[in-house]
Protein backbone atom coordinates (compact mmCIF):
# COMPACT_ATOMS: atom_id res chain seq x y z
CA MET A 1 -15.57 -42.88 134.51
CA PRO A 2 -18.23 -41.77 137.06
CA PRO A 3 -21.06 -39.29 136.48
CA ILE A 4 -20.02 -35.64 136.74
CA SER A 5 -21.80 -32.44 137.73
CA LEU A 6 -20.54 -28.90 137.23
CA LEU A 7 -21.95 -25.79 138.88
CA ILE A 8 -20.99 -23.00 136.50
CA LYS A 9 -21.04 -19.25 137.15
CA PRO A 10 -20.96 -17.75 133.65
CA ALA A 11 -21.52 -14.19 134.89
CA SER A 12 -19.42 -14.61 138.04
CA SER A 13 -20.81 -12.56 140.93
CA ASN A 14 -22.50 -10.01 138.66
CA CYS A 15 -26.21 -9.56 139.29
CA ASN A 16 -29.10 -7.29 138.35
CA LEU A 17 -30.57 -7.45 141.86
CA TRP A 18 -29.10 -6.29 145.14
CA CYS A 19 -30.49 -8.83 147.59
CA LYS A 20 -29.62 -7.63 151.07
CA TYR A 21 -28.81 -11.13 152.36
CA CYS A 22 -26.84 -12.37 149.31
CA PHE A 23 -24.11 -14.73 150.59
CA TYR A 24 -22.27 -14.77 147.26
CA HIS A 25 -21.81 -11.00 147.37
CA SER A 26 -19.94 -11.38 150.65
CA ILE A 27 -17.96 -14.32 149.23
CA ALA A 28 -16.89 -12.30 146.20
CA LYS A 29 -15.87 -9.33 148.32
CA SER A 30 -13.52 -11.55 150.33
CA ARG A 31 -11.50 -12.53 147.23
CA GLN A 32 -8.67 -10.62 145.61
CA ILE A 33 -10.87 -10.45 142.50
CA ASP A 34 -14.54 -10.04 143.33
CA SER A 35 -15.84 -10.57 139.79
CA TYR A 36 -14.29 -12.62 137.00
CA GLY A 37 -16.49 -10.97 134.37
CA THR A 38 -18.26 -13.25 131.93
CA MET A 39 -17.19 -16.63 130.62
CA ASP A 40 -15.81 -16.61 127.10
CA ILE A 41 -16.87 -19.17 124.54
CA LYS A 42 -13.49 -20.92 124.48
CA THR A 43 -13.77 -21.60 128.22
CA LEU A 44 -17.31 -22.92 127.79
CA GLU A 45 -16.17 -25.20 124.97
CA ALA A 46 -13.32 -26.55 127.09
CA LEU A 47 -15.69 -27.32 129.99
CA VAL A 48 -18.14 -29.19 127.75
CA ARG A 49 -15.44 -31.10 125.87
CA LYS A 50 -13.59 -32.20 129.02
CA ALA A 51 -16.73 -33.08 130.97
CA LEU A 52 -18.15 -35.26 128.18
CA ALA A 53 -14.78 -36.95 127.67
CA TYR A 54 -14.51 -37.62 131.42
CA THR A 55 -17.80 -39.37 132.14
CA ASP A 56 -19.24 -42.54 130.70
CA TYR A 57 -22.69 -42.16 132.23
CA THR A 58 -24.24 -38.80 133.10
CA CYS A 59 -23.15 -35.20 132.82
CA THR A 60 -25.03 -32.40 134.59
CA PHE A 61 -24.48 -28.74 133.81
CA VAL A 62 -25.91 -26.41 136.45
CA PHE A 63 -25.74 -22.63 136.04
CA GLN A 64 -25.82 -20.18 138.91
CA GLY A 65 -24.47 -16.80 139.88
CA GLY A 66 -24.59 -13.98 140.58
CA GLU A 67 -27.26 -14.05 137.90
CA PRO A 68 -26.34 -16.49 135.09
CA THR A 69 -28.83 -15.16 132.52
CA LEU A 70 -26.86 -11.88 132.34
CA ILE A 71 -24.46 -13.60 129.94
CA GLY A 72 -27.23 -13.80 127.35
CA LEU A 73 -29.22 -16.53 125.68
CA GLY A 74 -26.60 -16.96 122.93
CA PHE A 75 -24.19 -18.44 125.48
CA PHE A 76 -26.63 -21.23 126.32
CA GLN A 77 -27.38 -21.85 122.65
CA LYS A 78 -23.61 -22.33 122.19
CA LEU A 79 -23.70 -24.80 125.10
CA ILE A 80 -26.22 -26.99 123.27
CA ALA A 81 -24.14 -26.82 120.08
CA PHE A 82 -20.98 -27.89 121.92
CA GLU A 83 -22.84 -30.79 123.55
CA GLU A 84 -23.96 -32.01 120.14
CA LYS A 85 -20.38 -31.72 118.88
CA TYR A 86 -18.59 -33.44 121.76
CA ASN A 87 -21.08 -36.00 123.11
CA ILE A 88 -19.42 -38.80 121.19
CA LYS A 89 -20.20 -41.39 123.90
CA LYS A 90 -23.89 -40.41 123.94
CA VAL A 91 -23.95 -39.87 127.69
CA LYS A 92 -27.09 -38.53 129.31
CA ILE A 93 -26.91 -34.75 129.75
CA ASN A 94 -28.93 -32.86 132.34
CA HIS A 95 -29.39 -29.08 132.51
CA ALA A 96 -30.37 -26.86 135.43
CA ILE A 97 -30.23 -23.14 136.14
CA GLN A 98 -30.91 -20.96 139.16
CA THR A 99 -32.25 -17.53 138.22
CA ASN A 100 -33.82 -14.49 139.80
CA GLY A 101 -36.12 -14.36 136.77
CA MET A 102 -35.63 -10.65 136.06
CA ILE A 103 -34.95 -10.85 132.33
CA ILE A 104 -36.86 -13.98 131.39
CA ASP A 105 -39.14 -13.55 128.40
CA ASN A 106 -40.82 -15.76 125.79
CA GLU A 107 -37.54 -16.58 124.08
CA TRP A 108 -35.86 -17.70 127.31
CA ALA A 109 -38.86 -19.73 128.43
CA LYS A 110 -39.12 -21.45 125.06
CA PHE A 111 -35.41 -22.32 125.15
CA PHE A 112 -35.64 -23.78 128.66
CA ALA A 113 -38.65 -25.89 127.70
CA GLU A 114 -37.19 -27.18 124.42
CA ASN A 115 -33.86 -28.11 126.04
CA LYS A 116 -35.37 -29.56 129.22
CA PHE A 117 -33.74 -27.20 131.69
CA LEU A 118 -34.82 -27.60 135.30
CA VAL A 119 -35.14 -24.02 136.49
CA GLY A 120 -34.88 -22.84 140.08
CA LEU A 121 -36.71 -19.53 140.45
CA SER A 122 -35.89 -17.36 143.46
CA LEU A 123 -39.01 -16.16 145.27
CA ASP A 124 -39.45 -15.42 148.97
CA GLY A 125 -43.25 -15.37 149.23
CA PRO A 126 -45.91 -12.67 148.77
CA LYS A 127 -44.97 -9.20 147.57
CA ASP A 128 -44.38 -7.51 150.91
CA ILE A 129 -42.13 -10.31 152.16
CA HIS A 130 -40.28 -10.87 148.88
CA ASP A 131 -39.66 -7.16 148.30
CA SER A 132 -38.21 -6.63 151.77
CA TYR A 133 -34.81 -7.98 150.69
CA ARG A 134 -34.91 -8.96 146.99
CA VAL A 135 -34.57 -5.49 145.51
CA ARG A 136 -33.22 -3.85 142.38
CA PRO A 137 -30.13 -1.61 142.60
CA ASP A 138 -32.47 1.42 142.87
CA GLY A 139 -34.17 -0.14 145.92
CA LYS A 140 -37.41 -1.04 144.18
CA GLY A 141 -38.88 -4.51 144.68
CA SER A 142 -38.68 -7.35 142.15
CA PHE A 143 -41.83 -9.32 142.97
CA LEU A 144 -44.07 -8.22 140.08
CA ARG A 145 -41.38 -8.98 137.50
CA ILE A 146 -40.80 -12.42 138.99
CA MET A 147 -44.50 -13.23 138.75
CA GLU A 148 -44.35 -12.32 135.06
CA THR A 149 -41.63 -14.95 134.73
CA VAL A 150 -43.90 -17.47 136.45
CA ASN A 151 -46.48 -16.80 133.73
CA TYR A 152 -43.88 -17.35 131.01
CA PHE A 153 -42.84 -20.65 132.58
CA ASN A 154 -46.41 -21.84 132.90
CA GLU A 155 -47.19 -20.86 129.31
CA TYR A 156 -44.27 -22.85 127.89
CA ASN A 157 -44.47 -25.73 130.41
CA VAL A 158 -41.00 -25.06 131.78
CA GLU A 159 -40.07 -27.44 134.59
CA TYR A 160 -39.31 -25.20 137.55
CA ASN A 161 -39.20 -25.11 141.32
CA ILE A 162 -39.33 -22.25 143.79
CA LEU A 163 -36.29 -21.48 145.92
CA SER A 164 -36.86 -19.38 149.04
CA VAL A 165 -34.20 -18.06 151.38
CA VAL A 166 -35.26 -18.53 154.99
CA THR A 167 -34.62 -15.20 156.69
CA ALA A 168 -35.99 -14.27 160.10
CA GLN A 169 -38.94 -12.66 158.33
CA VAL A 170 -39.67 -15.65 156.11
CA ALA A 171 -39.53 -17.97 159.13
CA ARG A 172 -41.96 -15.75 161.03
CA HIS A 173 -44.49 -15.73 158.18
CA ILE A 174 -44.17 -19.27 156.87
CA ASN A 175 -47.91 -19.96 157.17
CA ARG A 176 -48.66 -17.01 154.87
CA ILE A 177 -45.93 -18.05 152.46
CA TYR A 178 -47.11 -21.66 152.31
CA ASN A 179 -50.67 -20.51 151.62
CA PHE A 180 -49.38 -18.21 148.87
CA TYR A 181 -47.41 -21.03 147.23
CA LYS A 182 -50.38 -23.37 147.35
CA LYS A 183 -52.62 -20.68 145.85
CA HIS A 184 -50.25 -20.45 142.87
CA ASP A 185 -49.90 -24.25 142.68
CA PHE A 186 -46.16 -24.21 143.31
CA ARG A 187 -45.55 -27.87 144.07
CA HIS A 188 -41.75 -28.08 144.11
CA LEU A 189 -40.18 -26.00 146.86
CA GLN A 190 -36.72 -25.47 148.32
CA PHE A 191 -36.09 -23.52 151.50
CA ILE A 192 -32.47 -22.52 152.05
CA PRO A 193 -31.43 -21.15 155.48
CA CYS A 194 -30.04 -17.62 155.17
CA LEU A 195 -26.26 -17.40 155.52
CA ASP A 196 -24.36 -14.64 157.25
CA PRO A 197 -20.92 -13.73 155.84
CA LEU A 198 -18.41 -16.60 156.08
CA SER A 199 -15.94 -14.80 158.35
CA GLU A 200 -18.51 -13.59 160.88
CA GLN A 201 -20.27 -15.08 163.84
CA PRO A 202 -23.90 -15.76 162.75
CA GLY A 203 -26.79 -13.67 163.95
CA GLY A 204 -25.59 -10.10 163.43
CA TYR A 205 -28.15 -8.85 160.89
CA GLU A 206 -31.87 -8.12 160.96
CA TYR A 207 -32.40 -10.88 158.39
CA SER A 208 -30.25 -13.41 160.28
CA LEU A 209 -31.95 -16.70 161.03
CA THR A 210 -31.68 -17.55 164.71
CA PRO A 211 -31.86 -21.18 165.92
CA GLU A 212 -35.11 -20.42 167.74
CA ARG A 213 -36.74 -18.87 164.70
CA TYR A 214 -35.56 -21.71 162.47
CA ALA A 215 -37.06 -24.28 164.84
CA TYR A 216 -40.43 -22.51 164.63
CA PHE A 217 -40.12 -22.43 160.84
CA LEU A 218 -39.33 -26.15 160.49
CA LYS A 219 -42.05 -27.32 162.85
CA THR A 220 -44.72 -25.08 161.35
CA LEU A 221 -43.84 -25.92 157.76
CA PHE A 222 -43.61 -29.62 158.52
CA ASP A 223 -47.11 -29.63 160.04
CA ARG A 224 -48.55 -28.00 156.94
CA TRP A 225 -46.61 -30.28 154.56
CA TYR A 226 -47.38 -33.46 156.50
CA PHE A 227 -51.12 -32.67 156.56
CA ASP A 228 -51.10 -32.25 152.77
CA VAL A 229 -49.06 -35.39 152.15
CA VAL A 230 -51.27 -37.69 154.23
CA LYS A 231 -54.34 -36.21 152.43
CA GLY A 232 -52.77 -37.17 149.10
CA ASN A 233 -51.89 -33.60 148.14
CA LEU A 234 -48.18 -34.19 147.51
CA ILE A 235 -46.05 -31.07 147.61
CA ASN A 236 -42.30 -31.62 147.24
CA ILE A 237 -40.19 -29.81 149.79
CA ARG A 238 -36.57 -30.79 149.18
CA TYR A 239 -35.41 -30.93 152.80
CA PHE A 240 -38.36 -33.00 154.00
CA ASP A 241 -38.19 -35.26 150.95
CA ASN A 242 -34.54 -35.96 151.73
CA LEU A 243 -35.28 -36.71 155.36
CA VAL A 244 -37.90 -39.27 154.42
CA GLY A 245 -35.45 -40.75 151.90
CA ILE A 246 -32.77 -41.05 154.60
CA ALA A 247 -35.28 -42.76 156.88
CA MET A 248 -35.96 -45.19 154.03
CA GLY A 249 -32.25 -46.01 153.82
CA PHE A 250 -31.28 -43.86 150.84
CA LYS A 251 -28.40 -41.43 150.63
CA PRO A 252 -29.53 -37.79 150.54
CA GLU A 253 -29.22 -36.05 147.19
CA ALA A 254 -28.61 -32.72 148.95
CA CYS A 255 -24.88 -32.65 149.70
CA GLY A 256 -25.31 -30.58 152.88
CA MET A 257 -27.23 -33.44 154.46
CA SER A 258 -24.61 -36.15 154.01
CA GLY A 259 -22.32 -35.00 156.80
CA VAL A 260 -19.16 -35.07 154.66
CA CYS A 261 -18.17 -32.74 151.83
CA SER A 262 -17.30 -33.78 148.30
CA CYS A 263 -15.80 -31.88 145.37
CA GLN A 264 -18.67 -30.15 143.61
CA PHE A 265 -16.67 -28.64 140.71
CA VAL A 266 -17.91 -25.06 141.07
CA VAL A 267 -16.58 -23.24 138.02
CA GLU A 268 -16.15 -19.46 138.03
CA ALA A 269 -16.37 -17.38 134.83
CA ASN A 270 -12.62 -17.59 134.18
CA GLY A 271 -12.58 -21.39 134.45
CA GLY A 272 -11.30 -21.45 138.03
CA VAL A 273 -12.63 -24.37 140.08
CA TYR A 274 -13.67 -24.51 143.76
CA PRO A 275 -15.04 -27.40 145.82
CA CYS A 276 -18.33 -25.83 147.01
CA ASP A 277 -20.58 -22.89 146.22
CA PHE A 278 -20.17 -21.67 149.82
CA TYR A 279 -16.37 -21.64 149.52
CA VAL A 280 -15.55 -19.90 146.22
CA ILE A 281 -12.69 -18.07 147.87
CA ASP A 282 -8.97 -17.84 147.21
CA GLN A 283 -8.12 -20.31 149.98
CA TRP A 284 -10.01 -23.10 148.22
CA TYR A 285 -8.98 -22.48 144.62
CA LEU A 286 -8.38 -25.90 143.06
CA GLY A 287 -7.11 -25.06 139.58
CA ASN A 288 -8.45 -23.98 136.21
CA LEU A 289 -10.25 -26.31 133.80
CA ARG A 290 -8.87 -24.47 130.80
CA CYS A 291 -5.47 -25.99 131.52
CA SER A 292 -6.14 -28.77 134.01
CA SER A 293 -8.11 -32.02 134.07
CA PHE A 294 -10.95 -33.20 136.25
CA GLU A 295 -8.76 -36.01 137.57
CA LYS A 296 -6.01 -33.61 138.59
CA ILE A 297 -8.43 -31.25 140.30
CA ARG A 298 -10.35 -34.01 142.08
CA ASN A 299 -7.11 -35.51 143.39
CA SER A 300 -5.36 -32.26 144.31
CA LYS A 301 -3.99 -31.65 147.79
CA VAL A 302 -6.37 -28.71 148.31
CA THR A 303 -9.39 -30.83 147.39
CA LYS A 304 -8.37 -33.55 149.82
CA THR A 305 -7.76 -30.99 152.58
CA PHE A 306 -11.20 -29.48 152.07
CA ILE A 307 -12.94 -32.86 152.25
CA GLU A 308 -10.89 -34.07 155.22
CA GLY A 309 -11.80 -30.93 157.11
CA SER A 310 -15.46 -31.90 157.03
CA LYS A 311 -15.01 -35.44 158.33
CA TYR A 312 -14.59 -34.63 161.99
CA ILE A 313 -17.70 -35.49 164.01
CA ASP A 314 -18.18 -33.94 167.40
CA PRO A 315 -18.69 -36.62 170.10
CA LYS A 316 -22.01 -34.99 170.99
CA CYS A 317 -23.21 -35.68 167.45
CA LYS A 318 -22.29 -39.35 167.67
CA GLU A 319 -24.22 -39.69 170.92
CA CYS A 320 -27.34 -37.95 169.61
CA LYS A 321 -30.22 -40.25 168.75
CA TRP A 322 -31.06 -38.08 165.74
CA PHE A 323 -27.61 -38.44 164.16
CA ILE A 324 -29.16 -41.01 161.83
CA LEU A 325 -31.14 -38.18 160.19
CA CYS A 326 -28.88 -35.18 160.75
CA TRP A 327 -25.30 -36.44 160.21
CA GLY A 328 -24.03 -33.18 161.68
CA GLY A 329 -25.36 -31.04 158.85
CA CYS A 330 -23.58 -28.84 156.36
CA ARG A 331 -19.96 -27.85 156.95
CA ARG A 332 -20.93 -24.21 156.29
CA ASP A 333 -23.12 -24.25 159.41
CA ARG A 334 -20.20 -25.58 161.48
CA GLU A 335 -18.00 -22.53 160.86
CA PRO A 336 -15.81 -21.01 162.14
CA PHE A 337 -13.48 -23.95 162.74
CA GLU A 338 -11.50 -24.22 165.96
CA GLN A 339 -8.10 -25.98 165.89
CA ASN A 340 -8.84 -26.97 162.28
CA LYS A 341 -12.00 -28.80 163.35
CA PRO A 342 -15.63 -27.87 162.63
CA LEU A 343 -17.82 -26.91 165.56
CA LEU A 344 -21.25 -28.28 166.39
CA ASN A 345 -23.78 -27.15 163.82
CA HIS A 346 -25.06 -23.63 164.49
CA TYR A 347 -28.57 -25.14 164.33
CA CYS A 348 -27.82 -28.21 166.44
CA LEU A 349 -30.49 -27.42 169.07
CA THR A 350 -32.86 -26.46 166.27
CA TYR A 351 -32.58 -29.86 164.66
CA MET A 352 -32.86 -31.71 167.95
CA GLU A 353 -36.07 -29.83 168.75
CA PHE A 354 -37.44 -30.39 165.27
CA PHE A 355 -36.66 -34.12 165.16
CA GLU A 356 -38.19 -34.64 168.60
CA TYR A 357 -41.29 -32.94 167.20
CA ALA A 358 -41.44 -34.54 163.75
CA GLY A 359 -39.18 -37.61 163.85
CA ASP A 360 -41.92 -40.19 164.43
CA ARG A 361 -43.91 -38.83 161.50
CA ILE A 362 -40.83 -38.82 159.25
CA PHE A 363 -40.31 -42.53 159.89
CA GLU A 364 -44.03 -43.15 159.52
CA LEU A 365 -43.93 -41.66 156.03
CA ALA A 366 -40.79 -43.62 155.26
CA ARG A 367 -42.56 -46.88 156.13
CA ALA A 368 -45.60 -45.92 154.06
CA PHE A 369 -43.55 -44.99 150.98
CA SER A 370 -41.44 -48.16 151.34
CA GLN A 371 -44.57 -50.30 151.29
CA ARG A 372 -45.78 -48.52 148.13
CA ARG A 373 -42.41 -49.23 146.46
């Protein structure tokens, strides 16, 4: 059977921060049940047992939230024990977790290092920028605590990357942010465009990322990144890395860049499964892994409907010379649908402007890296 990847939400939508732009908060509020509590050990055991029985090659367990560390370190220690018990076929197991870093200490960092967890740490730049939106429930900022977590990770050699949400403010100050990240030697970066609530037209909040602001962000960041790369100072930025890979003829590893959705097996705390982290809503409930199989969920009518809904390509996309890099973008940025069909990407003009600006250099890097291979 093929490799399998699960994105697991062991603490559901529960979180110890109150980030003002949090898309999952709005997702949870749109469901009949906004939080499914915490995952019990029997559900965790069923996930591990079924996943390792399903695949013959690779199994990836990714943990996200809400804030997944709220379930406690003991939960993840149980995960490792269940893997040792059920990995009869000796498949390769990968671990990853996305965390806000608020409760990480020596014990957590040591565990992540020993069990080879790839950790995504949420950070939006220097203190004044980060603390504008990533706040505690009492309104106080979280920056200083996150930088303590950085120190723990560095001390224990935890493999981690920085994930930044691109708000209007982050886009405006990307030069400052890039300088800050270089100063701290953060060499693996992800920048995720801010999402407005699923049911709303984008652009209605002070943090909302407009197409014009996003174009400025992409062009400015690309200039800085490209200058470093050609000087031999390689800094990994996921979006740009994927673009160069596409130009080299590879499939993107970021699902939102492939143009067509797939079933991502997003598992809520009660074992309920959804096809995508952006669509963990009642409409796209696929079943529960406590009583269903991966095969049944992957082949369900709801799964097929979700995937089919992403396949429509606007004629303007097909005619665009940059379709070879863009592929229409993520389904989430083509909401709301009209007549059951996705619209042009909200950032369509952004990407056209960016590719006109950076496209030649993207293919130049692709040729250079191909020659090295």
